[in-house]
């Protein structure tokens, strides 16, 4: 099992604020209390939270951020960590996982793609091993709440309807993590660009956010990653360079003042490879990439998640 150092809230500050608050209330199930009439306090226990939504919306990242903020040991689990070819071994792995979590409390167990472990009962592809894992997981999840341990179970899925009903009921909170809104997308472009030189202003970032309606956080990350290669491509294909910032050579057009007809290869052959400076990223670079990129989440996928939210979940 992987007990990992998790990420913080920094990159989530402008995205899924309500989801952050919801999970924040659940991260200390033993200590969290709510005021009641007459000065009494009622303990609020929420031992398990399900994060669901389209792929690429930051469910896994949100879980890691919760662990960091709560100063908890974080166990990141996938189906491959719990499935064994040996009879009875998978159930032991599940039991050992929860035992380790209790011993290292406060802790958070994060199960990614839980639907691959806990699909609907009676499906033709469900094996005996899968049924045993599911049963043991249900027993352990129930035990977390009963024992009042500082253990929080977080799980994520892209297909909430595929979850077994009994497993779904174990999650006291089922939080929908939707696609990022306009402000969140605008912030994501800035975060992914980081300190990379660019000449975009606030208006450009807002236009990018408007053009990427329907994009997931993962889609935006892919877009920026592709854009980061544009200055390199320009430099490799350039036929003219000019001196910038003293003795640095930057690619340009033939009409640029001080333009010299040469190539990157010719400059490198003269020992000037270290003096070649790629141009800053521009709005045109983004337009070029966005012209060929499409969102990976369909409207049909969104409708499924919205329907599940109305039936079983709550908005994040």
C-alpha atoms as a PDB file:
ATOM      1  CA  UNK A   1       0.000   0.000   0.000  1.00  0.00           C
ATOM      2  CA  UNK A   2       1.185   3.532  -0.743  1.00  0.00           C
ATOM      3  CA  UNK A   3       1.201   5.968   2.150  1.00  0.00           C
ATOM      4  CA  UNK A   4       2.040   9.180   0.321  1.00  0.00           C
ATOM      5  CA  UNK A   5       2.715  12.846   1.041  1.00  0.00           C
ATOM      6  CA  UNK A   6      -0.306  14.573  -0.456  1.00  0.00           C
ATOM      7  CA  UNK A   7      -0.791  17.880  -2.235  1.00  0.00           C
ATOM      8  CA  UNK A   8      -2.267  21.029  -0.695  1.00  0.00           C
ATOM      9  CA  UNK A   9      -5.253  23.205  -1.463  1.00  0.00           C
ATOM     10  CA  UNK A  10      -3.288  25.765  -3.506  1.00  0.00           C
ATOM     11  CA  UNK A  11      -4.351  24.668  -6.977  1.00  0.00           C
ATOM     12  CA  UNK A  12      -7.914  23.930  -5.823  1.00  0.00           C
ATOM     13  CA  UNK A  13      -8.572  27.341  -4.322  1.00  0.00           C
ATOM     14  CA  UNK A  14     -10.645  28.566  -7.257  1.00  0.00           C
ATOM     15  CA  UNK A  15     -12.265  25.241  -8.096  1.00  0.00           C
ATOM     16  CA  UNK A  16     -14.934  23.164  -6.324  1.00  0.00           C
ATOM     17  CA  UNK A  17     -15.066  25.399  -3.249  1.00  0.00           C
ATOM     18  CA  UNK A  18     -18.230  23.746  -1.987  1.00  0.00           C
ATOM     19  CA  UNK A  19     -16.732  20.261  -2.421  1.00  0.00           C
ATOM     20  CA  UNK A  20     -13.739  21.380  -0.367  1.00  0.00           C
ATOM     21  CA  UNK A  21     -16.029  22.550   2.429  1.00  0.00           C
ATOM     22  CA  UNK A  22     -18.066  19.345   2.307  1.00  0.00           C
ATOM     23  CA  UNK A  23     -15.032  17.084   2.627  1.00  0.00           C
ATOM     24  CA  UNK A  24     -13.524  19.469   5.180  1.00  0.00           C
ATOM     25  CA  UNK A  25     -16.462  18.718   7.483  1.00  0.00           C
ATOM     26  CA  UNK A  26     -15.854  14.997   7.089  1.00  0.00           C
ATOM     27  CA  UNK A  27     -12.117  14.814   7.548  1.00  0.00           C
ATOM     28  CA  UNK A  28     -12.198  14.655  11.380  1.00  0.00           C
ATOM     29  CA  UNK A  29     -15.194  12.403  12.067  1.00  0.00           C
ATOM     30  CA  UNK A  30     -14.254  11.867  15.703  1.00  0.00           C
ATOM     31  CA  UNK A  31     -13.413  15.429  16.614  1.00  0.00           C
ATOM     32  CA  UNK A  32     -15.963  17.364  14.560  1.00  0.00           C
ATOM     33  CA  UNK A  33     -18.845  18.654  16.646  1.00  0.00           C
ATOM     34  CA  UNK A  34     -21.891  20.772  15.932  1.00  0.00           C
ATOM     35  CA  UNK A  35     -23.513  23.171  18.371  1.00  0.00           C
ATOM     36  CA  UNK A  36     -27.007  22.331  19.516  1.00  0.00           C
ATOM     37  CA  UNK A  37     -29.642  24.102  21.600  1.00  0.00           C
ATOM     38  CA  UNK A  38     -28.893  24.481  25.291  1.00  0.00           C
ATOM     39  CA  UNK A  39     -25.125  24.539  24.767  1.00  0.00           C
ATOM     40  CA  UNK A  40     -24.973  20.832  24.058  1.00  0.00           C
ATOM     41  CA  UNK A  41     -22.699  19.435  21.342  1.00  0.00           C
ATOM     42  CA  UNK A  42     -23.521  16.604  19.004  1.00  0.00           C
ATOM     43  CA  UNK A  43     -20.740  14.577  17.397  1.00  0.00           C
ATOM     44  CA  UNK A  44     -21.020  14.474  13.600  1.00  0.00           C
ATOM     45  CA  UNK A  45     -19.590  11.278  12.158  1.00  0.00           C
ATOM     46  CA  UNK A  46     -19.225  10.919   8.403  1.00  0.00           C
ATOM     47  CA  UNK A  47     -16.881   7.961   7.926  1.00  0.00           C
ATOM     48  CA  UNK A  48     -17.081   7.678   4.140  1.00  0.00           C
ATOM     49  CA  UNK A  49     -17.323  10.129   1.228  1.00  0.00           C
ATOM     50  CA  UNK A  50     -17.783   9.298  -2.449  1.00  0.00           C
ATOM     51  CA  UNK A  51     -16.487  11.760  -5.037  1.00  0.00           C
ATOM     52  CA  UNK A  52     -18.010  11.201  -8.456  1.00  0.00           C
ATOM     53  CA  UNK A  53     -18.019  13.063 -11.740  1.00  0.00           C
ATOM     54  CA  UNK A  54     -16.550  13.077 -15.249  1.00  0.00           C
ATOM     55  CA  UNK A  55     -12.928  12.003 -15.696  1.00  0.00           C
ATOM     56  CA  UNK A  56     -10.277  14.672 -15.343  1.00  0.00           C
ATOM     57  CA  UNK A  57     -12.119  16.914 -12.864  1.00  0.00           C
ATOM     58  CA  UNK A  58      -9.638  16.544  -9.996  1.00  0.00           C
ATOM     59  CA  UNK A  59     -11.309  13.978  -7.740  1.00  0.00           C
ATOM     60  CA  UNK A  60      -8.033  12.230  -6.898  1.00  0.00           C
ATOM     61  CA  UNK A  61      -6.258  15.530  -6.391  1.00  0.00           C
ATOM     62  CA  UNK A  62      -9.001  16.745  -4.073  1.00  0.00           C
ATOM     63  CA  UNK A  63      -8.631  13.616  -1.935  1.00  0.00           C
ATOM     64  CA  UNK A  64      -4.873  14.152  -1.604  1.00  0.00           C
ATOM     65  CA  UNK A  65      -5.394  17.795  -0.697  1.00  0.00           C
ATOM     66  CA  UNK A  66      -7.791  16.800   2.086  1.00  0.00           C
ATOM     67  CA  UNK A  67      -5.160  14.482   3.543  1.00  0.00           C
ATOM     68  CA  UNK A  68      -2.564  17.259   3.590  1.00  0.00           C
ATOM     69  CA  UNK A  69      -4.873  19.783   5.229  1.00  0.00           C
ATOM     70  CA  UNK A  70      -5.947  17.238   7.838  1.00  0.00           C
ATOM     71  CA  UNK A  71      -2.304  16.275   8.503  1.00  0.00           C
ATOM     72  CA  UNK A  72      -3.317  12.647   7.990  1.00  0.00           C
ATOM     73  CA  UNK A  73      -1.581   9.549   6.702  1.00  0.00           C
ATOM     74  CA  UNK A  74      -2.850   9.020   3.162  1.00  0.00           C
ATOM     75  CA  UNK A  75      -3.313   5.531   1.721  1.00  0.00           C
ATOM     76  CA  UNK A  76      -3.866   5.583  -2.039  1.00  0.00           C
ATOM     77  CA  UNK A  77      -5.432   2.338  -3.267  1.00  0.00           C
ATOM     78  CA  UNK A  78      -6.448   0.961  -6.657  1.00  0.00           C
ATOM     79  CA  UNK A  79      -8.007  -2.364  -7.614  1.00  0.00           C
ATOM     80  CA  UNK A  80      -4.617  -3.833  -8.550  1.00  0.00           C
ATOM     81  CA  UNK A  81      -3.415  -3.297  -4.962  1.00  0.00           C
ATOM     82  CA  UNK A  82      -6.176  -5.474  -3.518  1.00  0.00           C
ATOM     83  CA  UNK A  83      -6.689  -8.221  -6.081  1.00  0.00           C
ATOM     84  CA  UNK A  84      -4.687 -11.427  -5.577  1.00  0.00           C
ATOM     85  CA  UNK A  85      -4.748 -14.698  -7.488  1.00  0.00           C
ATOM     86  CA  UNK A  86      -4.523 -16.644  -4.202  1.00  0.00           C
ATOM     87  CA  UNK A  87      -7.734 -17.748  -2.488  1.00  0.00           C
ATOM     88  CA  UNK A  88      -8.559 -15.582   0.530  1.00  0.00           C
ATOM     89  CA  UNK A  89      -5.572 -13.283   0.049  1.00  0.00           C
ATOM     90  CA  UNK A  90      -7.584 -10.325  -1.276  1.00  0.00           C
ATOM     91  CA  UNK A  91      -9.808 -10.192   1.812  1.00  0.00           C
ATOM     92  CA  UNK A  92      -6.702 -10.211   4.018  1.00  0.00           C
ATOM     93  CA  UNK A  93      -5.270  -7.298   2.051  1.00  0.00           C
ATOM     94  CA  UNK A  94      -8.454  -5.298   2.635  1.00  0.00           C
ATOM     95  CA  UNK A  95      -8.444  -6.109   6.362  1.00  0.00           C
ATOM     96  CA  UNK A  96      -4.732  -5.275   6.632  1.00  0.00           C
ATOM     97  CA  UNK A  97      -5.296  -1.956   4.880  1.00  0.00           C
ATOM     98  CA  UNK A  98      -7.889  -0.833   7.413  1.00  0.00           C
ATOM     99  CA  UNK A  99      -5.780  -2.123  10.301  1.00  0.00           C
ATOM    100  CA  UNK A 100      -2.807  -0.080   9.052  1.00  0.00           C
ATOM    101  CA  UNK A 101      -5.057   2.962   8.704  1.00  0.00           C
ATOM    102  CA  UNK A 102      -6.232   2.617  12.320  1.00  0.00           C
ATOM    103  CA  UNK A 103      -2.682   2.155  13.587  1.00  0.00           C
ATOM    104  CA  UNK A 104      -1.564   5.297  11.720  1.00  0.00           C
ATOM    105  CA  UNK A 105      -4.634   7.382  12.553  1.00  0.00           C
ATOM    106  CA  UNK A 106      -5.601  10.037  11.794  1.00  0.00           C
ATOM    107  CA  UNK A 107      -5.612   8.610   8.309  1.00  0.00           C
ATOM    108  CA  UNK A 108      -7.470   8.669   5.021  1.00  0.00           C
ATOM    109  CA  UNK A 109      -7.999   5.680   2.760  1.00  0.00           C
ATOM    110  CA  UNK A 110      -8.497   6.781  -0.827  1.00  0.00           C
ATOM    111  CA  UNK A 111      -9.885   4.160  -3.231  1.00  0.00           C
ATOM    112  CA  UNK A 112      -9.605   5.310  -6.830  1.00  0.00           C
ATOM    113  CA  UNK A 113     -12.025   3.905  -9.416  1.00  0.00           C
ATOM    114  CA  UNK A 114     -13.936   2.056  -6.720  1.00  0.00           C
ATOM    115  CA  UNK A 115     -16.433   0.846  -9.333  1.00  0.00           C
ATOM    116  CA  UNK A 116     -13.790  -1.598 -10.599  1.00  0.00           C
ATOM    117  CA  UNK A 117     -13.807  -3.235  -7.141  1.00  0.00           C
ATOM    118  CA  UNK A 118     -17.442  -2.822  -6.184  1.00  0.00           C
ATOM    119  CA  UNK A 119     -19.594  -3.200  -9.267  1.00  0.00           C
ATOM    120  CA  UNK A 120     -23.250  -4.214  -9.285  1.00  0.00           C
ATOM    121  CA  UNK A 121     -23.986  -7.677  -7.916  1.00  0.00           C
ATOM    122  CA  UNK A 122     -25.117 -10.347 -10.313  1.00  0.00           C
ATOM    123  CA  UNK A 123     -23.230  -9.016 -13.317  1.00  0.00           C
ATOM    124  CA  UNK A 124     -21.850 -11.702 -15.575  1.00  0.00           C
ATOM    125  CA  UNK A 125     -18.243 -10.572 -15.216  1.00  0.00           C
ATOM    126  CA  UNK A 126     -18.290 -10.622 -11.394  1.00  0.00           C
ATOM    127  CA  UNK A 127     -15.972 -13.291 -10.030  1.00  0.00           C
ATOM    128  CA  UNK A 128     -16.037 -15.027  -6.660  1.00  0.00           C
ATOM    129  CA  UNK A 129     -12.912 -13.089  -5.673  1.00  0.00           C
ATOM    130  CA  UNK A 130     -14.642  -9.799  -6.487  1.00  0.00           C
ATOM    131  CA  UNK A 131     -17.620 -10.730  -4.318  1.00  0.00           C
ATOM    132  CA  UNK A 132     -15.342 -11.574  -1.397  1.00  0.00           C
ATOM    133  CA  UNK A 133     -13.432  -8.294  -1.712  1.00  0.00           C
ATOM    134  CA  UNK A 134     -16.699  -6.380  -1.812  1.00  0.00           C
ATOM    135  CA  UNK A 135     -18.038  -8.148   1.265  1.00  0.00           C
ATOM    136  CA  UNK A 136     -14.856  -7.534   3.257  1.00  0.00           C
ATOM    137  CA  UNK A 137     -14.761  -3.902   2.194  1.00  0.00           C
ATOM    138  CA  UNK A 138     -18.354  -3.418   3.350  1.00  0.00           C
ATOM    139  CA  UNK A 139     -17.562  -5.003   6.712  1.00  0.00           C
ATOM    140  CA  UNK A 140     -14.473  -2.836   7.224  1.00  0.00           C
ATOM    141  CA  UNK A 141     -16.213   0.370   6.166  1.00  0.00           C
ATOM    142  CA  UNK A 142     -18.994  -0.323   8.614  1.00  0.00           C
ATOM    143  CA  UNK A 143     -16.411  -0.980  11.320  1.00  0.00           C
ATOM    144  CA  UNK A 144     -14.712   2.370  10.827  1.00  0.00           C
ATOM    145  CA  UNK A 145     -17.795   4.250  11.956  1.00  0.00           C
ATOM    146  CA  UNK A 146     -18.664   1.866  14.792  1.00  0.00           C
ATOM    147  CA  UNK A 147     -15.173   1.950  16.278  1.00  0.00           C
ATOM    148  CA  UNK A 148     -15.095   5.758  16.216  1.00  0.00           C
ATOM    149  CA  UNK A 149     -11.580   5.660  14.756  1.00  0.00           C
ATOM    150  CA  UNK A 150      -9.994   8.667  13.087  1.00  0.00           C
ATOM    151  CA  UNK A 151     -10.180   6.973   9.713  1.00  0.00           C
ATOM    152  CA  UNK A 152     -11.941   8.540   6.755  1.00  0.00           C
ATOM    153  CA  UNK A 153     -12.714   6.549   3.615  1.00  0.00           C
ATOM    154  CA  UNK A 154     -12.655   8.585   0.413  1.00  0.00           C
ATOM    155  CA  UNK A 155     -13.444   7.011  -2.939  1.00  0.00           C
ATOM    156  CA  UNK A 156     -13.706   8.259  -6.505  1.00  0.00           C
ATOM    157  CA  UNK A 157     -15.565   7.013  -9.551  1.00  0.00           C
ATOM    158  CA  UNK A 158     -16.392   8.174 -13.062  1.00  0.00           C
ATOM    159  CA  UNK A 159     -19.338   5.752 -13.276  1.00  0.00           C
ATOM    160  CA  UNK A 160     -21.439   6.084 -10.100  1.00  0.00           C
ATOM    161  CA  UNK A 161     -24.327   3.992 -11.434  1.00  0.00           C
ATOM    162  CA  UNK A 162     -21.944   1.032 -11.754  1.00  0.00           C
ATOM    163  CA  UNK A 163     -21.491   0.908  -7.965  1.00  0.00           C
ATOM    164  CA  UNK A 164     -23.132  -1.826  -5.944  1.00  0.00           C
ATOM    165  CA  UNK A 165     -26.128  -0.428  -4.033  1.00  0.00           C
ATOM    166  CA  UNK A 166     -24.881  -1.671  -0.658  1.00  0.00           C
ATOM    167  CA  UNK A 167     -21.519   0.003  -1.252  1.00  0.00           C
ATOM    168  CA  UNK A 168     -23.200   3.213  -2.325  1.00  0.00           C
ATOM    169  CA  UNK A 169     -25.211   3.299   0.910  1.00  0.00           C
ATOM    170  CA  UNK A 170     -21.993   3.013   2.957  1.00  0.00           C
ATOM    171  CA  UNK A 171     -21.008   6.456   1.708  1.00  0.00           C
ATOM    172  CA  UNK A 172     -22.806   8.941   3.918  1.00  0.00           C
ATOM    173  CA  UNK A 173     -21.902  11.734   1.528  1.00  0.00           C
ATOM    174  CA  UNK A 174     -21.880  11.424  -2.259  1.00  0.00           C
ATOM    175  CA  UNK A 175     -20.439  14.611  -3.734  1.00  0.00           C
ATOM    176  CA  UNK A 176     -20.607  15.541  -7.409  1.00  0.00           C
ATOM    177  CA  UNK A 177     -17.362  17.005  -8.781  1.00  0.00           C
ATOM    178  CA  UNK A 178     -18.459  18.765 -11.993  1.00  0.00           C
ATOM    179  CA  UNK A 179     -16.464  20.320 -14.812  1.00  0.00           C
ATOM    180  CA  UNK A 180     -14.654  23.554 -13.881  1.00  0.00           C
ATOM    181  CA  UNK A 181     -16.584  26.796 -14.334  1.00  0.00           C
ATOM    182  CA  UNK A 182     -15.343  29.931 -16.108  1.00  0.00           C
ATOM    183  CA  UNK A 183     -13.313  31.322 -13.187  1.00  0.00           C
ATOM    184  CA  UNK A 184     -11.799  27.923 -12.433  1.00  0.00           C
ATOM    185  CA  UNK A 185     -10.722  27.397 -16.048  1.00  0.00           C
ATOM    186  CA  UNK A 186      -9.171  30.860 -16.130  1.00  0.00           C
ATOM    187  CA  UNK A 187      -7.208  30.062 -12.972  1.00  0.00           C
ATOM    188  CA  UNK A 188      -6.113  26.660 -14.322  1.00  0.00           C
ATOM    189  CA  UNK A 189      -4.540  28.208 -17.420  1.00  0.00           C
ATOM    190  CA  UNK A 190      -2.475  30.487 -15.183  1.00  0.00           C
ATOM    191  CA  UNK A 191      -1.459  27.665 -12.852  1.00  0.00           C
ATOM    192  CA  UNK A 192      -0.353  25.344 -15.661  1.00  0.00           C
ATOM    193  CA  UNK A 193       1.601  28.102 -17.409  1.00  0.00           C
ATOM    194  CA  UNK A 194       3.378  28.884 -14.157  1.00  0.00           C
ATOM    195  CA  UNK A 195       6.541  30.938 -14.635  1.00  0.00           C
ATOM    196  CA  UNK A 196       6.803  30.189 -18.369  1.00  0.00           C
ATOM    197  CA  UNK A 197       7.397  33.481 -20.259  1.00  0.00           C
ATOM    198  CA  UNK A 198       4.241  34.658 -22.035  1.00  0.00           C
ATOM    199  CA  UNK A 199       2.584  37.870 -23.202  1.00  0.00           C
ATOM    200  CA  UNK A 200      -1.021  37.048 -22.265  1.00  0.00           C
ATOM    201  CA  UNK A 201      -3.072  39.528 -20.241  1.00  0.00           C
ATOM    202  CA  UNK A 202      -6.179  39.062 -18.088  1.00  0.00           C
ATOM    203  CA  UNK A 203      -8.451  39.543 -21.083  1.00  0.00           C
ATOM    204  CA  UNK A 204      -6.623  36.765 -22.949  1.00  0.00           C
ATOM    205  CA  UNK A 205      -7.006  34.360 -20.027  1.00  0.00           C
ATOM    206  CA  UNK A 206     -10.707  35.166 -19.794  1.00  0.00           C
ATOM    207  CA  UNK A 207     -11.144  34.520 -23.529  1.00  0.00           C
ATOM    208  CA  UNK A 208      -9.346  31.183 -23.172  1.00  0.00           C
ATOM    209  CA  UNK A 209     -11.703  30.232 -20.348  1.00  0.00           C
ATOM    210  CA  UNK A 210     -14.737  31.117 -22.476  1.00  0.00           C
ATOM    211  CA  UNK A 211     -13.432  29.133 -25.440  1.00  0.00           C
ATOM    212  CA  UNK A 212     -12.910  26.023 -23.322  1.00  0.00           C
ATOM    213  CA  UNK A 213     -16.450  25.647 -21.982  1.00  0.00           C
ATOM    214  CA  UNK A 214     -16.979  21.907 -21.447  1.00  0.00           C
ATOM    215  CA  UNK A 215     -13.269  21.183 -20.912  1.00  0.00           C
ATOM    216  CA  UNK A 216     -12.179  19.224 -17.860  1.00  0.00           C
ATOM    217  CA  UNK A 217      -9.163  20.154 -15.776  1.00  0.00           C
ATOM    218  CA  UNK A 218      -7.284  17.353 -17.505  1.00  0.00           C
ATOM    219  CA  UNK A 219      -8.231  18.740 -20.938  1.00  0.00           C
ATOM    220  CA  UNK A 220      -6.844  22.147 -19.978  1.00  0.00           C
ATOM    221  CA  UNK A 221      -3.620  20.557 -18.699  1.00  0.00           C
ATOM    222  CA  UNK A 222      -3.193  18.742 -22.035  1.00  0.00           C
ATOM    223  CA  UNK A 223      -3.877  21.976 -23.926  1.00  0.00           C
ATOM    224  CA  UNK A 224      -1.237  23.941 -22.006  1.00  0.00           C
ATOM    225  CA  UNK A 225       1.260  21.082 -22.313  1.00  0.00           C
ATOM    226  CA  UNK A 226       0.854  21.189 -26.094  1.00  0.00           C
ATOM    227  CA  UNK A 227       1.132  24.988 -26.119  1.00  0.00           C
ATOM    228  CA  UNK A 228       4.431  24.806 -24.218  1.00  0.00           C
ATOM    229  CA  UNK A 229       5.966  23.073 -27.245  1.00  0.00           C
ATOM    230  CA  UNK A 230       4.938  25.849 -29.665  1.00  0.00           C
ATOM    231  CA  UNK A 231       7.951  28.122 -28.917  1.00  0.00           C
ATOM    232  CA  UNK A 232      10.248  25.139 -29.492  1.00  0.00           C
ATOM    233  CA  UNK A 233       8.568  24.370 -32.823  1.00  0.00           C
ATOM    234  CA  UNK A 234       8.851  28.021 -33.866  1.00  0.00           C
ATOM    235  CA  UNK A 235      12.536  28.053 -33.000  1.00  0.00           C
ATOM    236  CA  UNK A 236      13.226  24.834 -34.910  1.00  0.00           C
ATOM    237  CA  UNK A 237      11.389  26.049 -38.035  1.00  0.00           C
ATOM    238  CA  UNK A 238      12.574  29.673 -37.988  1.00  0.00           C
ATOM    239  CA  UNK A 239      14.529  31.070 -40.944  1.00  0.00           C
ATOM    240  CA  UNK A 240      15.254  34.443 -39.339  1.00  0.00           C
ATOM    241  CA  UNK A 241      16.629  35.404 -35.914  1.00  0.00           C
ATOM    242  CA  UNK A 242      17.407  38.704 -34.208  1.00  0.00           C
ATOM    243  CA  UNK A 243      19.456  39.632 -31.159  1.00  0.00           C
ATOM    244  CA  UNK A 244      17.348  40.137 -28.049  1.00  0.00           C
ATOM    245  CA  UNK A 245      18.318  40.798 -24.440  1.00  0.00           C
ATOM    246  CA  UNK A 246      21.886  41.586 -25.372  1.00  0.00           C
ATOM    247  CA  UNK A 247      23.520  38.543 -26.931  1.00  0.00           C
ATOM    248  CA  UNK A 248      20.532  36.160 -27.074  1.00  0.00           C
ATOM    249  CA  UNK A 249      19.091  35.056 -30.435  1.00  0.00           C
ATOM    250  CA  UNK A 250      15.309  34.868 -30.822  1.00  0.00           C
ATOM    251  CA  UNK A 251      13.355  33.642 -33.888  1.00  0.00           C
ATOM    252  CA  UNK A 252      11.483  36.312 -35.860  1.00  0.00           C
ATOM    253  CA  UNK A 253       9.979  37.214 -39.221  1.00  0.00           C
ATOM    254  CA  UNK A 254      11.947  38.685 -42.139  1.00  0.00           C
ATOM    255  CA  UNK A 255      10.568  42.201 -41.493  1.00  0.00           C
ATOM    256  CA  UNK A 256      11.770  42.322 -37.881  1.00  0.00           C
ATOM    257  CA  UNK A 257      14.327  45.076 -37.285  1.00  0.00           C
ATOM    258  CA  UNK A 258      17.783  43.505 -37.083  1.00  0.00           C
ATOM    259  CA  UNK A 259      16.607  40.180 -38.551  1.00  0.00           C
ATOM    260  CA  UNK A 260      19.371  37.860 -39.762  1.00  0.00           C
ATOM    261  CA  UNK A 261      18.647  35.010 -42.169  1.00  0.00           C
ATOM    262  CA  UNK A 262      19.874  31.900 -40.402  1.00  0.00           C
ATOM    263  CA  UNK A 263      18.586  28.742 -38.708  1.00  0.00           C
ATOM    264  CA  UNK A 264      18.828  27.164 -35.298  1.00  0.00           C
ATOM    265  CA  UNK A 265      21.199  24.549 -36.707  1.00  0.00           C
ATOM    266  CA  UNK A 266      23.513  27.203 -38.163  1.00  0.00           C
ATOM    267  CA  UNK A 267      23.610  29.108 -34.890  1.00  0.00           C
ATOM    268  CA  UNK A 268      24.359  25.891 -33.017  1.00  0.00           C
ATOM    269  CA  UNK A 269      27.214  25.069 -35.397  1.00  0.00           C
ATOM    270  CA  UNK A 270      28.766  28.422 -34.478  1.00  0.00           C
ATOM    271  CA  UNK A 271      28.687  27.519 -30.792  1.00  0.00           C
ATOM    272  CA  UNK A 272      25.642  29.686 -30.068  1.00  0.00           C
ATOM    273  CA  UNK A 273      23.215  26.923 -29.047  1.00  0.00           C
ATOM    274  CA  UNK A 274      23.118  28.220 -25.466  1.00  0.00           C
ATOM    275  CA  UNK A 275      22.327  31.704 -26.775  1.00  0.00           C
ATOM    276  CA  UNK A 276      19.108  30.698 -28.578  1.00  0.00           C
ATOM    277  CA  UNK A 277      16.023  32.024 -26.790  1.00  0.00           C
ATOM    278  CA  UNK A 278      12.576  30.636 -27.713  1.00  0.00           C
ATOM    279  CA  UNK A 279       9.867  33.308 -28.002  1.00  0.00           C
ATOM    280  CA  UNK A 280       7.338  33.830 -25.194  1.00  0.00           C
ATOM    281  CA  UNK A 281       4.018  32.016 -25.447  1.00  0.00           C
ATOM    282  CA  UNK A 282       1.345  34.069 -27.171  1.00  0.00           C
ATOM    283  CA  UNK A 283      -2.425  34.049 -27.601  1.00  0.00           C
ATOM    284  CA  UNK A 284      -1.857  32.774 -31.152  1.00  0.00           C
ATOM    285  CA  UNK A 285      -0.153  29.661 -29.759  1.00  0.00           C
ATOM    286  CA  UNK A 286      -3.257  28.837 -27.743  1.00  0.00           C
ATOM    287  CA  UNK A 287      -5.551  29.511 -30.699  1.00  0.00           C
ATOM    288  CA  UNK A 288      -3.519  27.119 -32.826  1.00  0.00           C
ATOM    289  CA  UNK A 289      -3.771  24.311 -30.256  1.00  0.00           C
ATOM    290  CA  UNK A 290      -7.443  24.902 -29.412  1.00  0.00           C
ATOM    291  CA  UNK A 291      -8.352  24.769 -33.104  1.00  0.00           C
ATOM    292  CA  UNK A 292      -7.533  21.057 -33.078  1.00  0.00           C
ATOM    293  CA  UNK A 293      -8.474  20.081 -29.506  1.00  0.00           C
ATOM    294  CA  UNK A 294     -11.906  18.931 -28.374  1.00  0.00           C
ATOM    295  CA  UNK A 295     -13.313  18.260 -24.877  1.00  0.00           C
ATOM    296  CA  UNK A 296     -13.161  14.625 -23.770  1.00  0.00           C
ATOM    297  CA  UNK A 297     -16.414  14.696 -21.776  1.00  0.00           C
ATOM    298  CA  UNK A 298     -19.633  14.394 -23.781  1.00  0.00           C
ATOM    299  CA  UNK A 299     -23.001  15.960 -22.940  1.00  0.00           C
ATOM    300  CA  UNK A 300     -24.387  12.460 -22.507  1.00  0.00           C
ATOM    301  CA  UNK A 301     -21.794  11.744 -19.806  1.00  0.00           C
ATOM    302  CA  UNK A 302     -22.741  14.943 -17.991  1.00  0.00           C
ATOM    303  CA  UNK A 303     -26.435  14.063 -18.111  1.00  0.00           C
ATOM    304  CA  UNK A 304     -25.706  10.721 -16.423  1.00  0.00           C
ATOM    305  CA  UNK A 305     -23.873  12.390 -13.547  1.00  0.00           C
ATOM    306  CA  UNK A 306     -26.520  15.077 -13.145  1.00  0.00           C
ATOM    307  CA  UNK A 307     -29.230  12.413 -12.980  1.00  0.00           C
ATOM    308  CA  UNK A 308     -27.272  10.507 -10.318  1.00  0.00           C
ATOM    309  CA  UNK A 309     -26.912  13.734  -8.334  1.00  0.00           C
ATOM    310  CA  UNK A 310     -30.673  14.261  -8.318  1.00  0.00           C
ATOM    311  CA  UNK A 311     -31.268  10.683  -7.172  1.00  0.00           C
ATOM    312  CA  UNK A 312     -28.440   9.999  -4.724  1.00  0.00           C
ATOM    313  CA  UNK A 313     -25.884  12.793  -4.492  1.00  0.00           C
ATOM    314  CA  UNK A 314     -25.290  16.441  -3.761  1.00  0.00           C
ATOM    315  CA  UNK A 315     -23.639  19.280  -5.621  1.00  0.00           C
ATOM    316  CA  UNK A 316     -19.933  19.896  -5.039  1.00  0.00           C
END
